[in-house]
Amino acid sequence: MLKINKKSDNLIIVVHEIYGINQHMIDLCELLSKQNFDVICPNLLEHEIAFDYSQELNAYQHFMDTIGFENGLQEIKKLLSDCQDEYSKVFIIGFSIGATIAWLCSEEECVDGIVGYYGSRIRDYANMNPKCPVLLFFPKAEKTFNVDELVSTIEKPNIDVQICSGEHGFSDPYSFRYNEELAQQTLRETLHFFKSN
């Protein structure tokens, strides 16, 4: 688990993607802490070393076989329960599988907002009714599903969904799918979301 304590009233829980707590997640946690948030990034993988991007299929299989969305959700719910009384506001940001887990937490009373980047499995939980503001970023095209169809099924008053011109992974500077302009733009919107909710 990565924790950065700024003695803030506001906490951001970062939920990593299939690779674990890699350099992208470490950099993001440090960036968020510089915005005067306390930050916690739990290690859902249960082993210390993050998967390399070249191990994408292995990382995905490991997550699905060993952890899965239900266990990931329970881990974040336990974290929420442990720290909700310490903070005025608690936000969650997730990436890919982490975005889906964040989405699954959106009905929790103690969550003040969630941000999700390319949470493709949200399509399996489209019937959720978030109790907090939600900001979701999706790439224009995904290999495994139709983005426009998913967006049409989750459009609700407190959900802001943005379809971006990049690919799955566009915000990760260590990925070959990185899109610097789009990453900066969505980061600005993410920070504005956290500061205005």
Protein backbone atom coordinates (compact mmCIF):
# COMPACT_ATOMS: atom_id res chain seq x y z
CA MET A 1 0.00 0.00 0.00
CA LEU A 2 1.20 3.47 -0.87
CA LYS A 3 0.16 6.22 1.57
CA ILE A 4 0.99 9.92 1.46
CA ASN A 5 -0.24 11.92 4.45
CA LYS A 6 -0.51 15.69 4.01
CA LYS A 7 -2.69 16.11 7.12
CA SER A 8 -5.53 17.03 4.77
CA ASP A 9 -9.27 16.87 5.46
CA ASN A 10 -9.71 15.29 2.04
CA LEU A 11 -8.61 11.84 0.90
CA ILE A 12 -8.19 10.40 -2.58
CA ILE A 13 -8.09 6.60 -2.90
CA VAL A 14 -6.24 5.57 -6.06
CA VAL A 15 -7.23 2.18 -7.52
CA HIS A 16 -4.55 0.85 -9.85
CA GLU A 17 -5.02 -1.08 -13.06
CA ILE A 18 -4.05 -4.71 -13.69
CA TYR A 19 -0.32 -3.97 -13.43
CA GLY A 20 -0.38 -2.98 -9.76
CA ILE A 21 1.34 -0.01 -8.12
CA ASN A 22 3.71 0.87 -10.94
CA GLN A 23 5.56 4.11 -11.66
CA HIS A 24 2.47 5.70 -13.24
CA MET A 25 0.50 5.14 -10.02
CA ILE A 26 3.38 6.38 -7.84
CA ASP A 27 3.71 9.55 -9.92
CA LEU A 28 -0.04 10.16 -9.81
CA CYS A 29 -0.18 9.72 -6.03
CA GLU A 30 2.66 12.21 -5.60
CA LEU A 31 0.96 14.67 -7.95
CA LEU A 32 -2.34 14.42 -6.05
CA SER A 33 -0.57 14.88 -2.72
CA LYS A 34 0.98 18.10 -4.06
CA GLN A 35 -2.60 19.34 -4.50
CA ASN A 36 -3.00 18.95 -0.71
CA PHE A 37 -4.89 15.70 -0.63
CA ASP A 38 -4.04 12.69 1.50
CA VAL A 39 -3.58 9.76 -0.87
CA ILE A 40 -3.86 6.01 -0.40
CA CYS A 41 -3.21 3.48 -3.17
CA PRO A 42 -3.88 -0.05 -1.88
CA ASN A 43 -2.04 -2.93 -3.51
CA LEU A 44 -4.81 -5.21 -4.75
CA LEU A 45 -2.38 -7.67 -6.33
CA GLU A 46 -1.05 -9.04 -3.02
CA HIS A 47 2.54 -9.11 -4.27
CA GLU A 48 5.09 -6.33 -4.22
CA ILE A 49 6.41 -6.14 -7.76
CA ALA A 50 4.13 -4.61 -10.38
CA PHE A 51 3.62 -6.38 -13.70
CA ASP A 52 5.47 -4.99 -16.70
CA TYR A 53 3.42 -3.73 -19.67
CA SER A 54 4.81 -6.59 -21.74
CA GLN A 55 2.96 -8.93 -19.33
CA GLU A 56 -0.48 -7.45 -20.07
CA LEU A 57 -2.21 -10.81 -20.68
CA ASN A 58 -0.62 -12.39 -17.59
CA ALA A 59 -1.52 -9.34 -15.48
CA TYR A 60 -5.13 -9.46 -16.65
CA GLN A 61 -5.39 -13.21 -16.04
CA HIS A 62 -3.83 -12.83 -12.60
CA PHE A 63 -6.34 -10.16 -11.67
CA MET A 64 -9.35 -12.09 -12.95
CA ASP A 65 -8.25 -15.45 -11.44
CA THR A 66 -6.79 -14.25 -8.14
CA ILE A 67 -8.55 -11.02 -7.19
CA GLY A 68 -11.57 -10.24 -9.36
CA PHE A 69 -13.91 -7.28 -9.07
CA GLU A 70 -15.74 -8.52 -5.97
CA ASN A 71 -12.57 -8.94 -3.90
CA GLY A 72 -11.23 -5.63 -5.20
CA LEU A 73 -14.49 -3.94 -4.23
CA GLN A 74 -14.42 -5.46 -0.72
CA GLU A 75 -10.84 -4.25 -0.26
CA ILE A 76 -11.79 -0.67 -1.14
CA LYS A 77 -14.97 -0.82 0.97
CA LYS A 78 -12.88 -1.92 3.95
CA LEU A 79 -10.52 0.98 3.36
CA LEU A 80 -13.49 3.36 3.13
CA SER A 81 -14.86 2.02 6.40
CA ASP A 82 -11.49 2.38 8.12
CA CYS A 83 -10.90 5.99 7.12
CA GLN A 84 -14.25 7.66 6.44
CA ASP A 85 -14.45 9.25 9.92
CA GLU A 86 -11.00 10.84 9.52
CA TYR A 87 -11.93 12.94 6.47
CA SER A 88 -14.46 15.56 5.43
CA LYS A 89 -14.40 14.24 1.87
CA VAL A 90 -13.33 10.96 0.31
CA PHE A 91 -12.83 10.57 -3.44
CA ILE A 92 -11.81 7.57 -5.54
CA ILE A 93 -9.92 7.57 -8.83
CA GLY A 94 -9.39 4.37 -10.78
CA PHE A 95 -7.80 3.21 -14.01
CA SER A 96 -9.14 0.39 -16.18
CA ILE A 97 -10.11 -2.39 -13.69
CA GLY A 98 -9.58 0.23 -10.98
CA ALA A 99 -12.12 2.50 -12.69
CA THR A 100 -14.67 -0.31 -12.61
CA ILE A 101 -14.00 -0.88 -8.90
CA ALA A 102 -14.36 2.88 -8.30
CA TRP A 103 -17.69 2.76 -10.19
CA LEU A 104 -18.83 -0.11 -7.95
CA CYS A 105 -18.13 2.13 -4.93
CA SER A 106 -20.25 4.99 -6.29
CA GLU A 107 -23.33 3.89 -4.33
CA GLU A 108 -21.47 4.12 -0.99
CA GLU A 109 -22.77 6.95 1.23
CA CYS A 110 -19.27 8.04 2.33
CA VAL A 111 -17.89 8.59 -1.20
CA ASP A 112 -17.99 12.21 -2.38
CA GLY A 113 -17.00 11.60 -5.98
CA ILE A 114 -15.29 9.17 -8.33
CA VAL A 115 -13.19 9.55 -11.44
CA GLY A 116 -12.68 6.61 -13.78
CA TYR A 117 -10.32 6.30 -16.71
CA TYR A 118 -11.19 3.68 -19.36
CA GLY A 119 -13.20 1.40 -17.09
CA SER A 120 -14.28 -0.98 -19.81
CA ARG A 121 -15.92 -3.46 -17.41
CA ILE A 122 -18.32 -0.77 -16.19
CA ARG A 123 -20.44 -2.22 -19.00
CA ASP A 124 -21.09 -5.23 -16.76
CA TYR A 125 -22.48 -2.97 -14.01
CA ALA A 126 -24.32 -0.35 -16.06
CA ASN A 127 -27.38 -0.56 -13.79
CA MET A 128 -25.59 1.17 -10.89
CA ASN A 129 -27.10 4.40 -9.56
CA PRO A 130 -24.24 6.51 -8.22
CA LYS A 131 -25.01 8.57 -5.12
CA CYS A 132 -22.10 10.90 -5.80
CA PRO A 133 -20.82 12.90 -8.78
CA VAL A 134 -18.98 10.74 -11.33
CA LEU A 135 -16.50 11.75 -14.04
CA LEU A 136 -15.63 9.04 -16.58
CA PHE A 137 -13.14 9.14 -19.44
CA PHE A 138 -13.35 6.59 -22.26
CA PRO A 139 -11.33 6.32 -25.48
CA LYS A 140 -13.32 6.63 -28.71
CA ALA A 141 -12.82 2.95 -29.52
CA GLU A 142 -12.25 -0.13 -27.37
CA LYS A 143 -11.46 -3.57 -28.78
CA THR A 144 -13.98 -5.44 -26.64
CA PHE A 145 -17.11 -3.27 -26.62
CA ASN A 146 -18.94 -0.33 -28.19
CA VAL A 147 -18.15 2.81 -26.19
CA ASP A 148 -21.14 4.81 -27.49
CA GLU A 149 -23.55 2.03 -26.48
CA LEU A 150 -22.11 1.93 -22.96
CA VAL A 151 -22.27 5.69 -22.61
CA SER A 152 -25.93 5.73 -23.66
CA THR A 153 -26.79 3.18 -20.95
CA ILE A 154 -25.09 5.03 -18.06
CA GLU A 155 -26.12 8.62 -18.83
CA LYS A 156 -27.65 9.95 -15.62
CA PRO A 157 -27.80 13.45 -14.10
CA ASN A 158 -24.73 13.19 -11.84
CA ILE A 159 -22.54 11.32 -14.35
CA ASP A 160 -20.24 13.23 -16.70
CA VAL A 161 -18.92 10.91 -19.41
CA GLN A 162 -16.28 12.13 -21.83
CA ILE A 163 -15.26 10.22 -24.93
CA CYS A 164 -11.64 11.03 -25.77
CA SER A 165 -9.65 10.69 -28.98
CA GLY A 166 -6.89 8.58 -27.37
CA GLU A 167 -6.54 4.85 -26.78
CA HIS A 168 -7.02 2.75 -23.64
CA GLY A 169 -4.06 3.82 -21.46
CA PHE A 170 -3.76 7.36 -22.88
CA SER A 171 -3.02 8.97 -19.49
CA ASP A 172 -0.04 6.74 -18.65
CA PRO A 173 3.28 8.38 -19.65
CA TYR A 174 5.03 4.99 -19.50
CA SER A 175 2.64 3.37 -21.98
CA PHE A 176 3.10 3.35 -25.76
CA ARG A 177 -0.55 4.50 -25.89
CA TYR A 178 0.27 7.72 -24.02
CA ASN A 179 -1.27 10.89 -25.43
CA GLU A 180 0.37 13.83 -23.67
CA GLU A 181 -2.13 16.50 -24.70
CA LEU A 182 -5.11 14.35 -23.74
CA ALA A 183 -3.45 13.24 -20.50
CA GLN A 184 -2.88 16.87 -19.46
CA GLN A 185 -6.41 17.91 -20.41
CA THR A 186 -8.08 15.07 -18.51
CA LEU A 187 -5.79 15.64 -15.52
CA ARG A 188 -6.88 19.29 -15.37
CA GLU A 189 -10.53 18.21 -15.45
CA THR A 190 -9.85 15.56 -12.79
CA LEU A 191 -8.23 18.07 -10.43
CA HIS A 192 -11.06 20.54 -11.01
CA PHE A 193 -13.55 17.76 -10.21
CA PHE A 194 -11.82 16.92 -6.92
CA LYS A 195 -11.57 20.57 -5.88
CA SER A 196 -15.14 21.52 -6.77
CA ASN A 197 -17.05 18.57 -5.28
